[in-house]
Amino acid sequence: MMIPIRCFSCGRPIGHHWEEFKARVAKGEDRKAVMDELGVEKYCCRSMFMGQVDLVDVSGEFKKF
């Protein structure tokens, strides 16, 4: 659904970078360059960004009972 507020491995706060990262990558910027500029340097934190899949649209299609 949403990116976690903190990295699972090191505990560093990363959630506040997600919206800017997503917007800049959608404009066509390189993911590596965007993460470098945002200060996301550790491999564990970078993997959180690279592995994130937005499932809000998919889960919104289902009805609640």
PDB file of N, CA and C in Angstrom:
ATOM      1  N   MET A   1       0.832  -1.189   0.000  1.00  0.00           N
ATOM      2  CA  MET A   1       0.000   0.000   0.000  1.00  0.00           C
ATOM      3  C   MET A   1       0.879   1.255   0.000  1.00  0.00           C
ATOM      4  N   MET A   2       1.314   1.654   1.167  1.00  0.00           N
ATOM      5  CA  MET A   2       2.174   2.830   1.279  1.00  0.00           C
ATOM      6  C   MET A   2       3.558   2.384   1.721  1.00  0.00           C
ATOM      7  N   ILE A   3       4.525   3.201   1.422  1.00  0.00           N
ATOM      8  CA  ILE A   3       5.892   2.881   1.851  1.00  0.00           C
ATOM      9  C   ILE A   3       5.949   3.012   3.377  1.00  0.00           C
ATOM     10  N   PRO A   4       6.670   2.139   4.032  1.00  0.00           N
ATOM     11  CA  PRO A   4       6.798   2.232   5.494  1.00  0.00           C
ATOM     12  C   PRO A   4       7.473   3.541   5.915  1.00  0.00           C
ATOM     13  N   ILE A   5       7.154   4.009   7.082  1.00  0.00           N
ATOM     14  CA  ILE A   5       7.725   5.251   7.583  1.00  0.00           C
ATOM     15  C   ILE A   5       9.212   5.077   7.856  1.00  0.00           C
ATOM     16  N   ARG A   6       9.598   3.919   8.371  1.00  0.00           N
ATOM     17  CA  ARG A   6      11.001   3.644   8.671  1.00  0.00           C
ATOM     18  C   ARG A   6      11.468   2.421   7.897  1.00  0.00           C
ATOM     19  N   CYS A   7      12.761   2.387   7.634  1.00  0.00           N
ATOM     20  CA  CYS A   7      13.381   1.235   6.978  1.00  0.00           C
ATOM     21  C   CYS A   7      13.278   0.037   7.919  1.00  0.00           C
ATOM     22  N   PHE A   8      12.944  -1.121   7.360  1.00  0.00           N
ATOM     23  CA  PHE A   8      12.815  -2.318   8.182  1.00  0.00           C
ATOM     24  C   PHE A   8      14.145  -2.755   8.775  1.00  0.00           C
ATOM     25  N   SER A   9      15.237  -2.536   8.062  1.00  0.00           N
ATOM     26  CA  SER A   9      16.542  -3.023   8.504  1.00  0.00           C
ATOM     27  C   SER A   9      17.230  -2.098   9.503  1.00  0.00           C
ATOM     28  N   CYS A  10      17.370  -0.818   9.133  1.00  0.00           N
ATOM     29  CA  CYS A  10      18.171   0.079   9.975  1.00  0.00           C
ATOM     30  C   CYS A  10      17.320   1.028  10.825  1.00  0.00           C
ATOM     31  N   GLY A  11      16.044   1.173  10.522  1.00  0.00           N
ATOM     32  CA  GLY A  11      15.170   2.020  11.323  1.00  0.00           C
ATOM     33  C   GLY A  11      15.211   3.498  10.962  1.00  0.00           C
ATOM     34  N   ARG A  12      15.919   3.854   9.917  1.00  0.00           N
ATOM     35  CA  ARG A  12      16.020   5.257   9.510  1.00  0.00           C
ATOM     36  C   ARG A  12      14.695   5.713   8.886  1.00  0.00           C
ATOM     37  N   PRO A  13      14.209   6.919   9.197  1.00  0.00           N
ATOM     38  CA  PRO A  13      12.981   7.421   8.588  1.00  0.00           C
ATOM     39  C   PRO A  13      13.164   7.657   7.083  1.00  0.00           C
ATOM     40  N   ILE A  14      12.288   7.057   6.271  1.00  0.00           N
ATOM     41  CA  ILE A  14      12.385   7.211   4.826  1.00  0.00           C
ATOM     42  C   ILE A  14      11.055   7.592   4.179  1.00  0.00           C
ATOM     43  N   GLY A  15       9.962   7.477   4.899  1.00  0.00           N
ATOM     44  CA  GLY A  15       8.637   7.692   4.325  1.00  0.00           C
ATOM     45  C   GLY A  15       8.406   9.090   3.797  1.00  0.00           C
ATOM     46  N   HIS A  16       9.060  10.090   4.373  1.00  0.00           N
ATOM     47  CA  HIS A  16       8.829  11.467   3.957  1.00  0.00           C
ATOM     48  C   HIS A  16       9.462  11.777   2.601  1.00  0.00           C
ATOM     49  N   HIS A  17      10.306  10.891   2.092  1.00  0.00           N
ATOM     50  CA  HIS A  17      10.926  11.092   0.780  1.00  0.00           C
ATOM     51  C   HIS A  17      10.107  10.478  -0.350  1.00  0.00           C
ATOM     52  N   TRP A  18       9.123   9.662  -0.046  1.00  0.00           N
ATOM     53  CA  TRP A  18       8.448   8.853  -1.056  1.00  0.00           C
ATOM     54  C   TRP A  18       7.726   9.685  -2.113  1.00  0.00           C
ATOM     55  N   GLU A  19       6.956  10.680  -1.716  1.00  0.00           N
ATOM     56  CA  GLU A  19       6.173  11.448  -2.686  1.00  0.00           C
ATOM     57  C   GLU A  19       7.068  12.176  -3.683  1.00  0.00           C
ATOM     58  N   GLU A  20       8.135  12.791  -3.197  1.00  0.00           N
ATOM     59  CA  GLU A  20       9.054  13.491  -4.093  1.00  0.00           C
ATOM     60  C   GLU A  20       9.766  12.498  -5.004  1.00  0.00           C
ATOM     61  N   PHE A  21      10.173  11.363  -4.468  1.00  0.00           N
ATOM     62  CA  PHE A  21      10.828  10.338  -5.272  1.00  0.00           C
ATOM     63  C   PHE A  21       9.899   9.867  -6.386  1.00  0.00           C
ATOM     64  N   LYS A  22       8.669   9.561  -6.041  1.00  0.00           N
ATOM     65  CA  LYS A  22       7.710   9.054  -7.011  1.00  0.00           C
ATOM     66  C   LYS A  22       7.426  10.085  -8.106  1.00  0.00           C
ATOM     67  N   ALA A  23       7.285  11.351  -7.719  1.00  0.00           N
ATOM     68  CA  ALA A  23       7.000  12.400  -8.692  1.00  0.00           C
ATOM     69  C   ALA A  23       8.177  12.621  -9.641  1.00  0.00           C
ATOM     70  N   ARG A  24       9.379  12.644  -9.110  1.00  0.00           N
ATOM     71  CA  ARG A  24      10.554  12.892  -9.944  1.00  0.00           C
ATOM     72  C   ARG A  24      10.846  11.729 -10.879  1.00  0.00           C
ATOM     73  N   VAL A  25      10.627  10.496 -10.432  1.00  0.00           N
ATOM     74  CA  VAL A  25      10.828   9.329 -11.294  1.00  0.00           C
ATOM     75  C   VAL A  25       9.765   9.299 -12.386  1.00  0.00           C
ATOM     76  N   ALA A  26       8.546   9.718 -12.066  1.00  0.00           N
ATOM     77  CA  ALA A  26       7.484   9.765 -13.070  1.00  0.00           C
ATOM     78  C   ALA A  26       7.792  10.787 -14.165  1.00  0.00           C
ATOM     79  N   LYS A  27       8.528  11.829 -13.827  1.00  0.00           N
ATOM     80  CA  LYS A  27       8.932  12.839 -14.814  1.00  0.00           C
ATOM     81  C   LYS A  27      10.054  12.342 -15.712  1.00  0.00           C
ATOM     82  N   GLY A  28      10.704  11.242 -15.327  1.00  0.00           N
ATOM     83  CA  GLY A  28      11.729  10.653 -16.165  1.00  0.00           C
ATOM     84  C   GLY A  28      13.140  10.746 -15.622  1.00  0.00           C
ATOM     85  N   GLU A  29      13.306  11.204 -14.394  1.00  0.00           N
ATOM     86  CA  GLU A  29      14.646  11.286 -13.806  1.00  0.00           C
ATOM     87  C   GLU A  29      15.135   9.893 -13.423  1.00  0.00           C
ATOM     88  N   ASP A  30      16.438   9.740 -13.349  1.00  0.00           N
ATOM     89  CA  ASP A  30      17.066   8.482 -12.975  1.00  0.00           C
ATOM     90  C   ASP A  30      16.830   8.205 -11.488  1.00  0.00           C
ATOM     91  N   ARG A  31      16.446   6.983 -11.162  1.00  0.00           N
ATOM     92  CA  ARG A  31      16.150   6.626  -9.769  1.00  0.00           C
ATOM     93  C   ARG A  31      17.365   6.793  -8.869  1.00  0.00           C
ATOM     94  N   LYS A  32      18.525   6.398  -9.359  1.00  0.00           N
ATOM     95  CA  LYS A  32      19.742   6.510  -8.566  1.00  0.00           C
ATOM     96  C   LYS A  32      20.054   7.960  -8.228  1.00  0.00           C
ATOM     97  N   ALA A  33      19.939   8.841  -9.214  1.00  0.00           N
ATOM     98  CA  ALA A  33      20.238  10.255  -8.993  1.00  0.00           C
ATOM     99  C   ALA A  33      19.257  10.871  -8.007  1.00  0.00           C
ATOM    100  N   VAL A  34      17.998  10.500  -8.111  1.00  0.00           N
ATOM    101  CA  VAL A  34      16.976  11.046  -7.204  1.00  0.00           C
ATOM    102  C   VAL A  34      17.253  10.599  -5.774  1.00  0.00           C
ATOM    103  N   MET A  35      17.554   9.316  -5.578  1.00  0.00           N
ATOM    104  CA  MET A  35      17.842   8.830  -4.228  1.00  0.00           C
ATOM    105  C   MET A  35      19.098   9.474  -3.661  1.00  0.00           C
ATOM    106  N   ASP A  36      20.109   9.693  -4.499  1.00  0.00           N
ATOM    107  CA  ASP A  36      21.327  10.368  -4.041  1.00  0.00           C
ATOM    108  C   ASP A  36      21.023  11.785  -3.571  1.00  0.00           C
ATOM    109  N   GLU A  37      20.204  12.519  -4.319  1.00  0.00           N
ATOM    110  CA  GLU A  37      19.872  13.893  -3.953  1.00  0.00           C
ATOM    111  C   GLU A  37      18.988  13.972  -2.718  1.00  0.00           C
ATOM    112  N   LEU A  38      18.142  12.961  -2.514  1.00  0.00           N
ATOM    113  CA  LEU A  38      17.273  12.938  -1.336  1.00  0.00           C
ATOM    114  C   LEU A  38      18.016  12.485  -0.083  1.00  0.00           C
ATOM    115  N   GLY A  39      19.197  11.930  -0.250  1.00  0.00           N
ATOM    116  CA  GLY A  39      19.986  11.497   0.894  1.00  0.00           C
ATOM    117  C   GLY A  39      19.729  10.068   1.316  1.00  0.00           C
ATOM    118  N   VAL A  40      19.112   9.277   0.451  1.00  0.00           N
ATOM    119  CA  VAL A  40      18.879   7.867   0.733  1.00  0.00           C
ATOM    120  C   VAL A  40      20.120   7.130   0.256  1.00  0.00           C
ATOM    121  N   GLU A  41      21.028   6.815   1.195  1.00  0.00           N
ATOM    122  CA  GLU A  41      22.340   6.298   0.825  1.00  0.00           C
ATOM    123  C   GLU A  41      22.532   4.819   1.133  1.00  0.00           C
ATOM    124  N   LYS A  42      21.897   4.322   2.173  1.00  0.00           N
ATOM    125  CA  LYS A  42      22.118   2.931   2.577  1.00  0.00           C
ATOM    126  C   LYS A  42      21.392   1.975   1.629  1.00  0.00           C
ATOM    127  N   TYR A  43      21.996   0.805   1.431  1.00  0.00           N
ATOM    128  CA  TYR A  43      21.413  -0.180   0.530  1.00  0.00           C
ATOM    129  C   TYR A  43      20.060  -0.671   1.014  1.00  0.00           C
ATOM    130  N   CYS A  44      19.914  -0.809   2.310  1.00  0.00           N
ATOM    131  CA  CYS A  44      18.642  -1.310   2.838  1.00  0.00           C
ATOM    132  C   CYS A  44      17.518  -0.308   2.587  1.00  0.00           C
ATOM    133  N   CYS A  45      17.819   0.980   2.735  1.00  0.00           N
ATOM    134  CA  CYS A  45      16.812   2.009   2.490  1.00  0.00           C
ATOM    135  C   CYS A  45      16.486   2.119   0.998  1.00  0.00           C
ATOM    136  N   ARG A  46      17.511   2.000   0.167  1.00  0.00           N
ATOM    137  CA  ARG A  46      17.298   2.042  -1.283  1.00  0.00           C
ATOM    138  C   ARG A  46      16.433   0.879  -1.741  1.00  0.00           C
ATOM    139  N   SER A  47      16.616  -0.275  -1.123  1.00  0.00           N
ATOM    140  CA  SER A  47      15.808  -1.430  -1.513  1.00  0.00           C
ATOM    141  C   SER A  47      14.343  -1.230  -1.164  1.00  0.00           C
ATOM    142  N   MET A  48      14.079  -0.468  -0.111  1.00  0.00           N
ATOM    143  CA  MET A  48      12.687  -0.159   0.235  1.00  0.00           C
ATOM    144  C   MET A  48      12.028   0.666  -0.874  1.00  0.00           C
ATOM    145  N   PHE A  49      12.771   1.602  -1.451  1.00  0.00           N
ATOM    146  CA  PHE A  49      12.244   2.427  -2.533  1.00  0.00           C
ATOM    147  C   PHE A  49      12.103   1.627  -3.823  1.00  0.00           C
ATOM    148  N   MET A  50      13.109   0.820  -4.128  1.00  0.00           N
ATOM    149  CA  MET A  50      13.105   0.076  -5.390  1.00  0.00           C
ATOM    150  C   MET A  50      12.074  -1.047  -5.380  1.00  0.00           C
ATOM    151  N   GLY A  51      11.780  -1.601  -4.226  1.00  0.00           N
ATOM    152  CA  GLY A  51      10.845  -2.715  -4.140  1.00  0.00           C
ATOM    153  C   GLY A  51       9.408  -2.317  -3.871  1.00  0.00           C
ATOM    154  N   GLN A  52       9.148  -1.044  -3.728  1.00  0.00           N
ATOM    155  CA  GLN A  52       7.806  -0.571  -3.399  1.00  0.00           C
ATOM    156  C   GLN A  52       6.870  -0.686  -4.602  1.00  0.00           C
ATOM    157  N   VAL A  53       5.692  -1.260  -4.394  1.00  0.00           N
ATOM    158  CA  VAL A  53       4.668  -1.366  -5.432  1.00  0.00           C
ATOM    159  C   VAL A  53       3.395  -0.753  -4.868  1.00  0.00           C
ATOM    160  N   ASP A  54       2.832   0.226  -5.589  1.00  0.00           N
ATOM    161  CA  ASP A  54       1.592   0.852  -5.140  1.00  0.00           C
ATOM    162  C   ASP A  54       0.406  -0.049  -5.468  1.00  0.00           C
ATOM    163  N   LEU A  55      -0.250  -0.541  -4.442  1.00  0.00           N
ATOM    164  CA  LEU A  55      -1.389  -1.440  -4.625  1.00  0.00           C
ATOM    165  C   LEU A  55      -2.707  -0.784  -4.242  1.00  0.00           C
ATOM    166  N   VAL A  56      -2.716   0.518  -4.058  1.00  0.00           N
ATOM    167  CA  VAL A  56      -3.933   1.209  -3.643  1.00  0.00           C
ATOM    168  C   VAL A  56      -5.002   1.087  -4.721  1.00  0.00           C
ATOM    169  N   ASP A  57      -4.635   1.248  -5.983  1.00  0.00           N
ATOM    170  CA  ASP A  57      -5.604   1.146  -7.070  1.00  0.00           C
ATOM    171  C   ASP A  57      -6.153  -0.267  -7.191  1.00  0.00           C
ATOM    172  N   VAL A  58      -5.307  -1.253  -6.994  1.00  0.00           N
ATOM    173  CA  VAL A  58      -5.745  -2.655  -7.095  1.00  0.00           C
ATOM    174  C   VAL A  58      -6.678  -2.995  -5.955  1.00  0.00           C
ATOM    175  N   SER A  59      -6.344  -2.616  -4.731  1.00  0.00           N
ATOM    176  CA  SER A  59      -7.185  -2.967  -3.589  1.00  0.00           C
ATOM    177  C   SER A  59      -8.478  -2.148  -3.580  1.00  0.00           C
ATOM    178  N   GLY A  60      -8.494  -1.010  -4.238  1.00  0.00           N
ATOM    179  CA  GLY A  60      -9.701  -0.192  -4.292  1.00  0.00           C
ATOM    180  C   GLY A  60     -10.793  -0.797  -5.159  1.00  0.00           C
ATOM    181  N   GLU A  61     -10.464  -1.755  -6.007  1.00  0.00           N
ATOM    182  CA  GLU A  61     -11.446  -2.388  -6.878  1.00  0.00           C
ATOM    183  C   GLU A  61     -12.348  -3.383  -6.133  1.00  0.00           C
ATOM    184  N   PHE A  62     -11.924  -3.848  -4.971  1.00  0.00           N
ATOM    185  CA  PHE A  62     -12.666  -4.842  -4.238  1.00  0.00           C
ATOM    186  C   PHE A  62     -13.659  -4.203  -3.269  1.00  0.00           C
ATOM    187  N   LYS A  63     -14.803  -4.846  -3.122  1.00  0.00           N
ATOM    188  CA  LYS A  63     -15.832  -4.341  -2.213  1.00  0.00           C
ATOM    189  C   LYS A  63     -15.556  -4.806  -0.797  1.00  0.00           C
ATOM    190  N   LYS A  64     -15.960  -3.984   0.151  1.00  0.00           N
ATOM    191  CA  LYS A  64     -15.912  -4.397   1.554  1.00  0.00           C
ATOM    192  C   LYS A  64     -17.233  -5.029   1.908  1.00  0.00           C
ATOM    193  N   PHE A  65     -17.206  -6.042   2.747  1.00  0.00           N
ATOM    194  CA  PHE A  65     -18.450  -6.709   3.144  1.00  0.00           C
ATOM    195  C   PHE A  65     -18.927  -6.219   4.448  1.00  0.00           C
TER     196      PHE A  65
END
